[in-house]
Each structure stands twice: as C-alpha cells, then as structure tokens.
Protein backbone atom coordinates (compact mmCIF):
# COMPACT_ATOMS: atom_id res chain seq x y z
CA MET A 1 2.60 -2.23 -16.92
CA LYS A 2 3.30 1.10 -15.25
CA ARG A 3 0.90 2.36 -12.61
CA PRO A 4 -0.57 5.83 -13.19
CA SER A 5 0.68 8.42 -10.74
CA ARG A 6 -1.11 11.30 -9.12
CA THR A 7 -0.08 14.43 -7.27
CA THR A 8 -1.19 14.59 -3.66
CA ARG A 9 -2.34 17.69 -1.77
CA ASN A 10 1.19 18.20 -0.46
CA GLY A 11 2.63 18.13 -4.00
CA ARG A 12 4.19 14.66 -3.97
CA ASN A 13 3.76 12.25 -6.87
CA ARG A 14 2.38 8.92 -5.79
CA SER A 15 1.41 5.75 -7.65
CA ARG A 16 -2.23 4.79 -7.43
CA VAL A 17 -2.86 1.60 -5.47
CA ARG A 18 -6.09 -0.34 -4.98
CA HIS A 19 -7.05 -0.52 -1.29
CA HIS A 20 -9.63 -2.75 0.39
CA LEU A 21 -10.73 -0.96 3.56
CA PRO A 22 -13.13 -2.03 6.33
CA VAL A 23 -16.05 0.35 6.87
CA VAL A 24 -18.00 0.51 10.13
CA VAL A 25 -21.63 1.57 9.57
CA GLU A 26 -23.88 2.93 12.31
CA GLN A 27 -27.28 4.59 12.19
CA ASP A 28 -28.20 7.39 14.59
CA GLU A 29 -31.59 8.14 16.14
CA ASP A 30 -32.52 10.39 13.17
CA GLY A 31 -31.80 7.62 10.64
CA VAL A 32 -28.53 9.13 9.41
CA PHE A 33 -25.83 6.58 8.49
CA ILE A 34 -22.48 7.28 10.18
CA VAL A 35 -19.52 5.56 8.50
CA SER A 36 -15.86 5.28 9.48
CA ILE A 37 -12.73 3.44 8.43
CA PRO A 38 -10.91 2.21 11.55
CA THR A 39 -7.59 1.68 9.74
CA LEU A 40 -7.44 5.36 8.67
CA ARG A 41 -7.15 7.71 11.63
CA GLY A 42 -10.06 10.19 11.74
CA CYS A 43 -11.66 9.00 8.49
CA ARG A 44 -15.40 9.44 9.03
CA SER A 45 -18.43 10.61 7.07
CA TYR A 46 -22.20 10.27 6.93
CA GLY A 47 -25.18 10.14 4.59
CA HIS A 48 -28.95 10.13 4.68
CA THR A 49 -28.94 6.82 2.78
CA LEU A 50 -26.45 3.98 2.98
CA GLU A 51 -25.50 4.57 -0.65
CA GLU A 52 -24.80 8.27 0.04
CA ALA A 53 -22.77 7.39 3.14
CA MET A 54 -20.65 4.89 1.17
CA THR A 55 -20.03 7.43 -1.61
CA ASN A 56 -19.02 10.02 0.97
CA ILE A 57 -16.67 7.67 2.85
CA ALA A 58 -15.00 6.67 -0.43
CA GLU A 59 -14.25 10.35 -1.10
CA ALA A 60 -13.04 10.83 2.47
CA ALA A 61 -10.83 7.74 2.25
CA ALA A 62 -9.20 9.00 -0.95
CA LEU A 63 -8.32 12.24 0.84
CA CYS A 64 -7.07 10.42 3.96
CA LEU A 65 -4.87 8.17 1.81
CA GLU A 66 -3.13 11.24 0.42
CA ASP A 67 -1.75 11.91 3.91
CA GLU A 68 -1.23 8.44 5.35
CA GLU A 69 -1.22 4.74 4.62
CA PRO A 70 -3.76 2.46 6.32
CA ALA A 71 -2.62 1.07 9.66
CA THR A 72 -0.72 -2.17 9.25
CA GLY A 73 -0.18 -4.99 11.68
CA THR A 74 -3.85 -5.19 12.58
CA THR A 75 -6.66 -7.10 10.94
CA PHE A 76 -10.22 -5.85 11.14
CA VAL A 77 -12.24 -8.70 12.62
CA GLY A 78 -15.71 -7.23 12.99
CA VAL A 79 -18.10 -5.56 15.36
CA ARG A 80 -19.85 -7.30 18.23
CA ASP A 81 -22.84 -6.24 20.30
CA LEU A 82 -22.32 -6.18 24.07
CA GLU A 83 -25.24 -6.02 26.45
CA ILE A 84 -24.54 -5.15 30.08
CA VAL A 85 -26.52 -4.02 33.10
CA ALA A 86 -24.82 -1.16 34.91
C-alpha cells in the first residue's frame, strides 16, 4: 500500500509518517498549560485548557516536522522533580 504524500512549506513532496512524540506539560502561575516536544527543536505551544494545549502542540508539531525530523539517538525518559536549598 502506497503512503499518501504531501507538499511541505518548502515545496518538497514527502510521504506522511505516523510519529509518536513525547510532550512535556507545565502549568504557569495563571493556570495556562505550556507544552513542548523535546525531540523537535523549538516546538512549543500553550492553551488555557490541557485539551487546547494538546491540540495546539499537535498543529505545531506538524509544522515542525515539515522542516526537520525528530532527534534520534535519544530516548525520552521522563521528568523528575528536584528540590534543593540554595
């Protein structure tokens, strides 16, 4: 079965590929959800609800993937909380 192709912003044809991407979710002091994809350089977005933030980061990721592939050679492990006294 042939994969459908699409034209990217820079005019190249590219086959569509399913990607599974890690998303880091934070919430700021105003309650806004800040989301980012660490394997795509500069891919960030936000939303006033978690659902809105996830919709926005999906759109941002699609645009980022037109310009670059996700970083390889690294595996997203997770986020840990560090408490220090300084």
